[in-house]
Structures are given as C-alpha cells and as structure tokens.
Amino acid sequence: MTTTGRRPLPTHLKLLRGNPGQRKLPNEPQPEQLPDVPEPPPFITGYAADEWWITGTELHRMGLLTKIDCATLAAYCHAYGQWRMAAEALARMAANDPVMNGQIIKTKYGDAAANPLVNIARKHAGDMVRYAAEFGLTPAARSRISATNPADSSQSKFAGLIAG
C-alpha cells in the first residue's frame, strides 16, 4: 500500500514547532534517550567519524539522539564521508584541468566521458541531505521548527504574558 501527501512529522518536531493546528498529538513510542553520544560504529571512520562527533553532539544537546537513531546517524555520516572524499577528489582533478574542471575524463579508448566522480558525489550529497532532513539539520527543516530555550522551561506558560 502506498500513501501520498506529506510525510508525517515526528511528535518531537511537532512540539518544537508549537503544534500550531492544535491537533491531537499521536501517542508514539518514546525511544530511550542516551546519557551521552555513543561511540560511532566501527565502519564510521575518517570524515564520517568527524561528522559523527560534530552532529551527534549537537543532536544529543537538542535531545534528538536516541538509542534507535544511531543507525540513521551512521547512514548520514557515511554518506557525508563518501561525499566529501568524492568532492575532494573532484577538486584535485579540477585543479589540474582548467578547461573542463574534472567534469570530463578520457576513456581508455581516448573518448571523452562524464567523470563518474560527479555522479558519486551527487548521489552521496542527495543521501546526506535526505538523512539530515530527518534530524531537522537542513535550513528548510529548521525553518519549520520553533525551538525554545531549555532554561526557560521552568517558567509557567503564562510567564511570557506577564513579561510583555
């Protein structure tokens, strides 16, 4: 069965937005919050591992990294690492090819062909952006979220009215 229309938002993102439609929120399962950012899986190395610590730390700070989110974070970081390696290889080729900037390569038969690194970089960039949107990491995804300062959560819901 396939469905059409907008994909449903996770409840935590609806809460950050403020639930402007005042619709009843689903009673979705709440995965266990992690006490700290876990170590990356063994296959997350290099640029992907660097991204794991940068992004994982920020997701944890925002309360968006749970035990079951680690696989999606790993997929995002892997796509990031592969994209970055392909992009850097393209940049090195472009530096040595001022005419075509590495976009066209010569085949073993001497013909011109599109550089496969272009499609590799494009594929991994697309994967990376798709995973990033799941965590609210893209500018468009963030524009739909209205986050509050956790330090202000101790105030009553009417404190803002009194303060003006």
N, C-alpha and C. Protein backbone atom coordinates (compact mmCIF):
# COMPACT_ATOMS: atom_id res chain seq x y z
N MET A 1 0.84 -1.18 0.00
CA MET A 1 0.00 0.00 0.00
C MET A 1 0.89 1.24 0.00
N THR A 2 0.61 2.16 -0.87
CA THR A 2 1.37 3.41 -0.92
C THR A 2 0.45 4.55 -0.51
N THR A 3 1.06 5.52 0.12
CA THR A 3 0.30 6.70 0.52
C THR A 3 0.89 7.91 -0.19
N THR A 4 0.06 8.90 -0.36
CA THR A 4 0.52 10.13 -0.98
C THR A 4 0.37 11.26 0.01
N GLY A 5 0.90 12.39 -0.35
CA GLY A 5 0.80 13.56 0.53
C GLY A 5 2.05 13.73 1.35
N ARG A 6 1.97 14.62 2.31
CA ARG A 6 3.12 14.91 3.17
C ARG A 6 3.42 13.75 4.09
N ARG A 7 4.72 13.58 4.34
CA ARG A 7 5.13 12.58 5.32
C ARG A 7 4.84 13.12 6.70
N PRO A 8 4.40 12.27 7.61
CA PRO A 8 4.13 12.76 8.97
C PRO A 8 5.41 13.18 9.67
N LEU A 9 5.29 14.20 10.50
CA LEU A 9 6.42 14.67 11.29
C LEU A 9 6.48 13.91 12.60
N PRO A 10 7.68 13.64 13.09
CA PRO A 10 7.79 13.05 14.42
C PRO A 10 7.21 14.02 15.46
N THR A 11 6.65 13.47 16.51
CA THR A 11 6.00 14.29 17.54
C THR A 11 6.95 15.32 18.14
N HIS A 12 8.22 14.95 18.36
CA HIS A 12 9.15 15.91 18.97
C HIS A 12 9.33 17.13 18.08
N LEU A 13 9.28 16.95 16.75
CA LEU A 13 9.38 18.11 15.87
C LEU A 13 8.08 18.93 15.90
N LYS A 14 6.94 18.26 16.03
CA LYS A 14 5.67 18.98 16.15
C LYS A 14 5.66 19.83 17.42
N LEU A 15 6.18 19.26 18.50
CA LEU A 15 6.23 20.00 19.76
C LEU A 15 7.15 21.21 19.65
N LEU A 16 8.29 21.04 18.96
CA LEU A 16 9.20 22.17 18.79
C LEU A 16 8.57 23.27 17.95
N ARG A 17 7.71 22.88 17.02
CA ARG A 17 7.01 23.87 16.19
C ARG A 17 5.89 24.57 16.94
N GLY A 18 5.45 23.97 18.01
CA GLY A 18 4.38 24.58 18.79
C GLY A 18 3.00 24.06 18.45
N ASN A 19 2.88 23.03 17.60
CA ASN A 19 1.60 22.45 17.22
C ASN A 19 0.58 23.54 16.87
N PRO A 20 0.87 24.35 15.83
CA PRO A 20 0.01 25.49 15.51
C PRO A 20 -1.43 25.11 15.18
N GLY A 21 -1.66 23.92 14.64
CA GLY A 21 -3.02 23.50 14.30
C GLY A 21 -3.80 22.97 15.49
N GLN A 22 -3.13 22.85 16.63
CA GLN A 22 -3.74 22.35 17.87
C GLN A 22 -4.39 20.98 17.67
N ARG A 23 -3.86 20.19 16.75
CA ARG A 23 -4.38 18.84 16.53
C ARG A 23 -3.87 17.93 17.65
N LYS A 24 -4.63 16.87 17.89
CA LYS A 24 -4.23 15.91 18.90
C LYS A 24 -2.92 15.25 18.45
N LEU A 25 -1.95 15.21 19.35
CA LEU A 25 -0.67 14.62 19.02
C LEU A 25 -0.75 13.10 19.19
N PRO A 26 -0.09 12.36 18.30
CA PRO A 26 -0.14 10.90 18.42
C PRO A 26 0.61 10.42 19.66
N ASN A 27 0.22 9.28 20.11
CA ASN A 27 0.88 8.67 21.26
C ASN A 27 1.94 7.72 20.72
N GLU A 28 3.01 8.30 20.16
CA GLU A 28 4.04 7.47 19.55
C GLU A 28 5.03 6.99 20.60
N PRO A 29 5.70 5.89 20.32
CA PRO A 29 6.68 5.37 21.29
C PRO A 29 7.81 6.37 21.50
N GLN A 30 8.32 6.44 22.69
CA GLN A 30 9.43 7.34 23.02
C GLN A 30 10.67 6.49 23.27
N PRO A 31 11.60 6.46 22.30
CA PRO A 31 12.83 5.68 22.50
C PRO A 31 13.66 6.22 23.65
N GLU A 32 14.52 5.38 24.17
CA GLU A 32 15.38 5.74 25.29
C GLU A 32 16.38 6.82 24.88
N GLN A 33 16.43 7.90 25.66
CA GLN A 33 17.42 8.95 25.44
C GLN A 33 18.77 8.41 25.90
N LEU A 34 19.79 8.78 25.18
CA LEU A 34 21.13 8.33 25.53
C LEU A 34 21.75 9.28 26.55
N PRO A 35 22.50 8.75 27.52
CA PRO A 35 23.15 9.62 28.50
C PRO A 35 24.25 10.48 27.88
N ASP A 36 24.83 10.00 26.79
CA ASP A 36 25.90 10.73 26.10
C ASP A 36 25.95 10.25 24.66
N VAL A 37 26.71 10.91 23.83
CA VAL A 37 26.87 10.48 22.44
C VAL A 37 27.66 9.19 22.44
N PRO A 38 27.12 8.12 21.84
CA PRO A 38 27.85 6.85 21.84
C PRO A 38 29.02 6.88 20.85
N GLU A 39 29.90 5.93 20.99
CA GLU A 39 30.99 5.77 20.03
C GLU A 39 30.38 5.42 18.67
N PRO A 40 30.99 5.90 17.59
CA PRO A 40 30.46 5.53 16.27
C PRO A 40 30.69 4.05 15.99
N PRO A 41 29.87 3.47 15.11
CA PRO A 41 30.12 2.07 14.73
C PRO A 41 31.50 1.93 14.09
N PRO A 42 32.07 0.74 14.07
CA PRO A 42 33.44 0.54 13.56
C PRO A 42 33.64 0.97 12.11
N PHE A 43 32.61 0.91 11.30
CA PHE A 43 32.76 1.28 9.88
C PHE A 43 32.71 2.79 9.66
N ILE A 44 32.38 3.55 10.68
CA ILE A 44 32.37 5.01 10.58
C ILE A 44 33.77 5.51 10.94
N THR A 45 34.52 5.87 9.91
CA THR A 45 35.91 6.29 10.10
C THR A 45 36.16 7.57 9.31
N GLY A 46 37.32 8.17 9.53
CA GLY A 46 37.73 9.35 8.76
C GLY A 46 36.76 10.51 8.88
N TYR A 47 36.41 11.08 7.72
CA TYR A 47 35.49 12.21 7.70
C TYR A 47 34.14 11.86 8.32
N ALA A 48 33.70 10.62 8.11
CA ALA A 48 32.41 10.19 8.66
C ALA A 48 32.44 10.22 10.19
N ALA A 49 33.56 9.79 10.78
CA ALA A 49 33.69 9.80 12.24
C ALA A 49 33.73 11.23 12.77
N ASP A 50 34.43 12.10 12.05
CA ASP A 50 34.45 13.51 12.47
C ASP A 50 33.03 14.08 12.48
N GLU A 51 32.26 13.76 11.44
CA GLU A 51 30.88 14.25 11.35
C GLU A 51 30.01 13.63 12.44
N TRP A 52 30.27 12.37 12.80
CA TRP A 52 29.53 11.69 13.87
C TRP A 52 29.63 12.51 15.16
N TRP A 53 30.85 12.91 15.50
CA TRP A 53 31.05 13.64 16.76
C TRP A 53 30.48 15.05 16.69
N ILE A 54 30.59 15.70 15.56
CA ILE A 54 30.04 17.06 15.43
C ILE A 54 28.51 17.02 15.49
N THR A 55 27.92 16.23 14.61
CA THR A 55 26.46 16.19 14.50
C THR A 55 25.83 15.46 15.68
N GLY A 56 26.43 14.34 16.08
CA GLY A 56 25.90 13.57 17.20
C GLY A 56 25.86 14.39 18.48
N THR A 57 26.91 15.17 18.71
CA THR A 57 26.95 16.01 19.91
C THR A 57 25.83 17.05 19.89
N GLU A 58 25.61 17.66 18.73
CA GLU A 58 24.56 18.68 18.63
C GLU A 58 23.17 18.05 18.75
N LEU A 59 22.96 16.91 18.11
CA LEU A 59 21.66 16.22 18.22
C LEU A 59 21.40 15.82 19.67
N HIS A 60 22.43 15.34 20.35
CA HIS A 60 22.28 14.96 21.76
C HIS A 60 21.93 16.18 22.61
N ARG A 61 22.60 17.30 22.34
CA ARG A 61 22.33 18.54 23.09
C ARG A 61 20.87 18.97 22.92
N MET A 62 20.32 18.76 21.72
CA MET A 62 18.94 19.16 21.45
C MET A 62 17.94 18.09 21.90
N GLY A 63 18.43 16.96 22.41
CA GLY A 63 17.53 15.90 22.85
C GLY A 63 16.94 15.09 21.70
N LEU A 64 17.61 15.09 20.55
CA LEU A 64 17.08 14.40 19.37
C LEU A 64 17.82 13.11 19.05
N LEU A 65 18.79 12.72 19.85
CA LEU A 65 19.53 11.49 19.59
C LEU A 65 19.13 10.43 20.61
N THR A 66 18.42 9.42 20.12
CA THR A 66 18.01 8.32 20.98
C THR A 66 18.75 7.06 20.55
N LYS A 67 18.54 6.02 21.30
CA LYS A 67 19.22 4.75 21.04
C LYS A 67 18.95 4.24 19.62
N ILE A 68 17.72 4.37 19.17
CA ILE A 68 17.38 3.82 17.85
C ILE A 68 17.69 4.77 16.70
N ASP A 69 18.16 5.96 16.98
CA ASP A 69 18.53 6.91 15.93
C ASP A 69 19.97 6.73 15.46
N CYS A 70 20.74 5.91 16.15
CA CYS A 70 22.17 5.78 15.84
C CYS A 70 22.41 5.21 14.45
N ALA A 71 21.57 4.30 13.99
CA ALA A 71 21.76 3.74 12.65
C ALA A 71 21.53 4.80 11.58
N THR A 72 20.51 5.64 11.76
CA THR A 72 20.25 6.71 10.80
C THR A 72 21.37 7.73 10.84
N LEU A 73 21.87 8.05 12.02
CA LEU A 73 23.00 8.96 12.13
C LEU A 73 24.22 8.36 11.44
N ALA A 74 24.44 7.06 11.60
CA ALA A 74 25.57 6.40 10.95
C ALA A 74 25.42 6.47 9.43
N ALA A 75 24.21 6.27 8.92
CA ALA A 75 23.98 6.36 7.47
C ALA A 75 24.26 7.78 6.98
N TYR A 76 23.80 8.77 7.73
CA TYR A 76 24.07 10.17 7.37
C TYR A 76 25.59 10.42 7.35
N CYS A 77 26.29 9.99 8.39
CA CYS A 77 27.73 10.24 8.48
C CYS A 77 28.49 9.51 7.38
N HIS A 78 28.07 8.29 7.07
CA HIS A 78 28.71 7.54 5.99
C HIS A 78 28.53 8.27 4.66
N ALA A 79 27.31 8.73 4.39
CA ALA A 79 27.05 9.48 3.16
C ALA A 79 27.90 10.76 3.13
N TYR A 80 28.02 11.43 4.28
CA TYR A 80 28.85 12.62 4.37
C TYR A 80 30.31 12.30 4.02
N GLY A 81 30.85 11.24 4.62
CA GLY A 81 32.24 10.87 4.38
C GLY A 81 32.49 10.53 2.92
N GLN A 82 31.58 9.77 2.31
CA GLN A 82 31.73 9.40 0.90
C GLN A 82 31.61 10.63 0.00
N TRP A 83 30.67 11.51 0.31
CA TRP A 83 30.50 12.75 -0.46
C TRP A 83 31.76 13.60 -0.38
N ARG A 84 32.29 13.74 0.82
CA ARG A 84 33.46 14.60 1.00
C ARG A 84 34.68 14.04 0.26
N MET A 85 34.88 12.73 0.32
CA MET A 85 36.02 12.15 -0.40
C MET A 85 35.86 12.34 -1.91
N ALA A 86 34.67 12.13 -2.44
CA ALA A 86 34.43 12.31 -3.87
C ALA A 86 34.60 13.78 -4.26
N ALA A 87 34.09 14.68 -3.43
CA ALA A 87 34.20 16.12 -3.72
C ALA A 87 35.66 16.57 -3.70
N GLU A 88 36.43 16.07 -2.76
CA GLU A 88 37.85 16.43 -2.70
C GLU A 88 38.63 15.86 -3.89
N ALA A 89 38.29 14.63 -4.31
CA ALA A 89 38.94 14.05 -5.49
C ALA A 89 38.61 14.87 -6.73
N LEU A 90 37.35 15.30 -6.84
CA LEU A 90 36.96 16.16 -7.97
C LEU A 90 37.72 17.49 -7.93
N ALA A 91 37.89 18.04 -6.76
CA ALA A 91 38.61 19.31 -6.62
C ALA A 91 40.06 19.16 -7.06
N ARG A 92 40.69 18.03 -6.70
CA ARG A 92 42.07 17.78 -7.13
C ARG A 92 42.15 17.66 -8.65
N MET A 93 41.18 16.96 -9.23
CA MET A 93 41.16 16.82 -10.69
C MET A 93 40.92 18.17 -11.36
N ALA A 94 40.04 18.97 -10.79
CA ALA A 94 39.73 20.29 -11.36
C ALA A 94 40.95 21.19 -11.33
N ALA A 95 41.77 21.07 -10.31
CA ALA A 95 42.98 21.90 -10.20
C ALA A 95 43.96 21.62 -11.34
N ASN A 96 43.92 20.40 -11.84
CA ASN A 96 44.82 20.01 -12.94
C ASN A 96 44.16 20.09 -14.31
N ASP A 97 42.91 20.53 -14.37
CA ASP A 97 42.15 20.57 -15.62
C ASP A 97 41.39 21.89 -15.71
N PRO A 98 42.09 22.98 -16.07
CA PRO A 98 41.43 24.29 -16.08
C PRO A 98 40.34 24.44 -17.15
N VAL A 99 40.32 23.58 -18.14
CA VAL A 99 39.31 23.69 -19.21
C VAL A 99 38.00 23.04 -18.80
N MET A 100 38.04 21.78 -18.38
CA MET A 100 36.82 21.04 -18.06
C MET A 100 36.61 20.86 -16.55
N ASN A 101 37.53 21.31 -15.74
CA ASN A 101 37.42 21.22 -14.28
C ASN A 101 37.11 19.82 -13.77
N GLY A 102 37.65 18.82 -14.45
CA GLY A 102 37.48 17.44 -13.99
C GLY A 102 36.11 16.85 -14.28
N GLN A 103 35.25 17.58 -14.95
CA GLN A 103 33.91 17.08 -15.24
C GLN A 103 33.91 16.03 -16.35
N ILE A 104 34.89 16.11 -17.27
CA ILE A 104 35.02 15.17 -18.38
C ILE A 104 36.36 14.47 -18.24
N ILE A 105 36.37 13.16 -18.47
CA ILE A 105 37.61 12.39 -18.43
C ILE A 105 37.81 11.69 -19.77
N LYS A 106 39.02 11.22 -19.99
CA LYS A 106 39.32 10.48 -21.21
C LYS A 106 39.23 8.99 -20.89
N THR A 107 38.48 8.24 -21.71
CA THR A 107 38.35 6.80 -21.51
C THR A 107 39.61 6.10 -22.00
N LYS A 108 39.69 4.79 -21.75
CA LYS A 108 40.87 4.04 -22.21
C LYS A 108 40.95 3.99 -23.73
N TYR A 109 39.84 4.29 -24.41
CA TYR A 109 39.83 4.32 -25.87
C TYR A 109 40.10 5.72 -26.42
N GLY A 110 40.31 6.68 -25.54
CA GLY A 110 40.60 8.05 -25.96
C GLY A 110 39.38 8.93 -26.14
N ASP A 111 38.20 8.40 -25.86
CA ASP A 111 36.97 9.18 -25.97
C ASP A 111 36.75 10.01 -24.71
N ALA A 112 35.93 11.04 -24.84
CA ALA A 112 35.55 11.85 -23.67
C ALA A 112 34.32 11.22 -23.02
N ALA A 113 34.29 11.22 -21.71
CA ALA A 113 33.15 10.69 -20.96
C ALA A 113 32.95 11.51 -19.70
N ALA A 114 31.74 11.50 -19.20
CA ALA A 114 31.46 12.18 -17.93
C ALA A 114 32.25 11.51 -16.82
N ASN A 115 32.81 12.29 -15.93
CA ASN A 115 33.57 11.77 -14.81
C ASN A 115 32.62 11.08 -13.84
N PRO A 116 32.84 9.79 -13.55
CA PRO A 116 31.95 9.08 -12.62
C PRO A 116 31.94 9.69 -11.22
N LEU A 117 32.99 10.40 -10.85
CA LEU A 117 33.02 11.03 -9.52
C LEU A 117 31.91 12.06 -9.36
N VAL A 118 31.50 12.67 -10.47
CA VAL A 118 30.42 13.66 -10.39
C VAL A 118 29.14 12.99 -9.90
N ASN A 119 28.80 11.84 -10.49
CA ASN A 119 27.59 11.13 -10.06
C ASN A 119 27.73 10.55 -8.66
N ILE A 120 28.92 10.10 -8.31
CA ILE A 120 29.14 9.58 -6.96
C ILE A 120 28.93 10.69 -5.93
N ALA A 121 29.52 11.85 -6.17
CA ALA A 121 29.36 12.98 -5.25
C ALA A 121 27.89 13.39 -5.17
N ARG A 122 27.22 13.46 -6.32
CA ARG A 122 25.81 13.85 -6.35
C ARG A 122 24.93 12.87 -5.57
N LYS A 123 25.17 11.57 -5.75
CA LYS A 123 24.37 10.55 -5.06
C LYS A 123 24.53 10.66 -3.55
N HIS A 124 25.79 10.77 -3.11
CA HIS A 124 26.03 10.84 -1.66
C HIS A 124 25.54 12.16 -1.07
N ALA A 125 25.63 13.24 -1.83
CA ALA A 125 25.09 14.52 -1.35
C ALA A 125 23.58 14.42 -1.17
N GLY A 126 22.91 13.79 -2.13
CA GLY A 126 21.46 13.61 -2.01
C GLY A 126 21.08 12.76 -0.81
N ASP A 127 21.82 11.66 -0.60
CA ASP A 127 21.58 10.81 0.57
C ASP A 127 21.79 11.60 1.85
N MET A 128 22.88 12.35 1.87
CA MET A 128 23.23 13.12 3.07
C MET A 128 22.13 14.12 3.41
N VAL A 129 21.65 14.85 2.42
CA VAL A 129 20.61 15.85 2.67
C VAL A 129 19.31 15.17 3.12
N ARG A 130 18.99 14.03 2.54
CA ARG A 130 17.77 13.32 2.93
C ARG A 130 17.84 12.87 4.40
N TYR A 131 18.97 12.29 4.80
CA TYR A 131 19.14 11.89 6.20
C TYR A 131 19.15 13.11 7.12
N ALA A 132 19.81 14.17 6.69
CA ALA A 132 19.90 15.37 7.51
C ALA A 132 18.51 15.95 7.77
N ALA A 133 17.64 15.91 6.77
CA ALA A 133 16.29 16.44 6.95
C ALA A 133 15.52 15.64 8.00
N GLU A 134 15.80 14.35 8.12
CA GLU A 134 15.13 13.53 9.13
C GLU A 134 15.44 14.01 10.55
N PHE A 135 16.61 14.58 10.73
CA PHE A 135 17.01 15.09 12.04
C PHE A 135 16.76 16.59 12.19
N GLY A 136 16.21 17.23 11.17
CA GLY A 136 15.99 18.68 11.22
C GLY A 136 17.28 19.45 11.04
N LEU A 137 18.23 18.91 10.27
CA LEU A 137 19.55 19.53 10.12
C LEU A 137 19.70 20.42 8.90
N THR A 138 18.67 20.55 8.09
CA THR A 138 18.76 21.42 6.92
C THR A 138 18.08 22.75 7.23
N PRO A 139 18.46 23.81 6.53
CA PRO A 139 17.81 25.10 6.78
C PRO A 139 16.29 25.04 6.59
N ALA A 140 15.82 24.32 5.59
CA ALA A 140 14.38 24.21 5.37
C ALA A 140 13.71 23.47 6.52
N ALA A 141 14.34 22.40 6.98
CA ALA A 141 13.76 21.64 8.10
C ALA A 141 13.75 22.49 9.37
N ARG A 142 14.83 23.26 9.60
CA ARG A 142 14.88 24.11 10.80
C ARG A 142 13.88 25.25 10.73
N SER A 143 13.59 25.73 9.52
CA SER A 143 12.65 26.85 9.41
C SER A 143 11.25 26.46 9.86
N ARG A 144 10.98 25.16 9.90
CA ARG A 144 9.66 24.70 10.32
C ARG A 144 9.62 24.34 11.81
N ILE A 145 10.73 24.59 12.51
CA ILE A 145 10.82 24.26 13.93
C ILE A 145 10.98 25.52 14.74
N SER A 146 10.23 25.63 15.82
CA SER A 146 10.36 26.75 16.73
C SER A 146 10.85 26.20 18.06
N ALA A 147 12.15 26.21 18.24
CA ALA A 147 12.74 25.65 19.46
C ALA A 147 12.71 26.68 20.57
N THR A 148 12.60 26.18 21.79
CA THR A 148 12.64 27.05 22.95
C THR A 148 13.90 26.76 23.73
N ASN A 149 14.30 27.71 24.53
CA ASN A 149 15.46 27.56 25.37
C ASN A 149 15.10 26.65 26.54
N PRO A 150 15.82 25.51 26.73
CA PRO A 150 15.50 24.61 27.82
C PRO A 150 15.55 25.29 29.19
N ALA A 151 16.36 26.33 29.34
CA ALA A 151 16.46 27.02 30.63
C ALA A 151 15.15 27.75 30.97
N ASP A 152 14.38 28.11 29.93
CA ASP A 152 13.13 28.82 30.16
C ASP A 152 11.97 27.89 30.46
N SER A 153 12.18 26.57 30.39
CA SER A 153 11.07 25.63 30.56
C SER A 153 10.55 25.61 32.00
N SER A 154 11.30 26.13 32.96
CA SER A 154 10.84 26.12 34.35
C SER A 154 9.77 27.18 34.59
N GLN A 155 9.65 28.16 33.70
CA GLN A 155 8.65 29.19 33.87
C GLN A 155 7.27 28.64 33.52
N SER A 156 6.25 29.27 34.04
CA SER A 156 4.89 28.86 33.70
C SER A 156 4.57 29.27 32.29
N LYS A 157 3.49 28.70 31.72
CA LYS A 157 3.13 29.01 30.35
C LYS A 157 2.60 30.44 30.23
N PHE A 158 2.30 31.10 31.33
CA PHE A 158 1.80 32.47 31.31
C PHE A 158 2.90 33.50 31.60
N ALA A 159 4.13 33.05 31.84
CA ALA A 159 5.21 33.96 32.18
C ALA A 159 5.48 34.95 31.05
N GLY A 160 5.34 34.50 29.82
CA GLY A 160 5.57 35.39 28.68
C GLY A 160 4.56 36.51 28.60
N LEU A 161 3.33 36.26 29.03
CA LEU A 161 2.31 37.31 29.03
C LEU A 161 2.62 38.39 30.05
N ILE A 162 3.11 37.99 31.17
CA ILE A 162 3.42 38.95 32.22
C ILE A 162 4.64 39.79 31.84
N ALA A 163 5.63 39.14 31.22
CA ALA A 163 6.85 39.83 30.83
C ALA A 163 6.62 40.81 29.70
N GLY A 164 5.53 40.62 28.97
CA GLY A 164 5.24 41.53 27.86
C GLY A 164 5.61 40.93 26.63
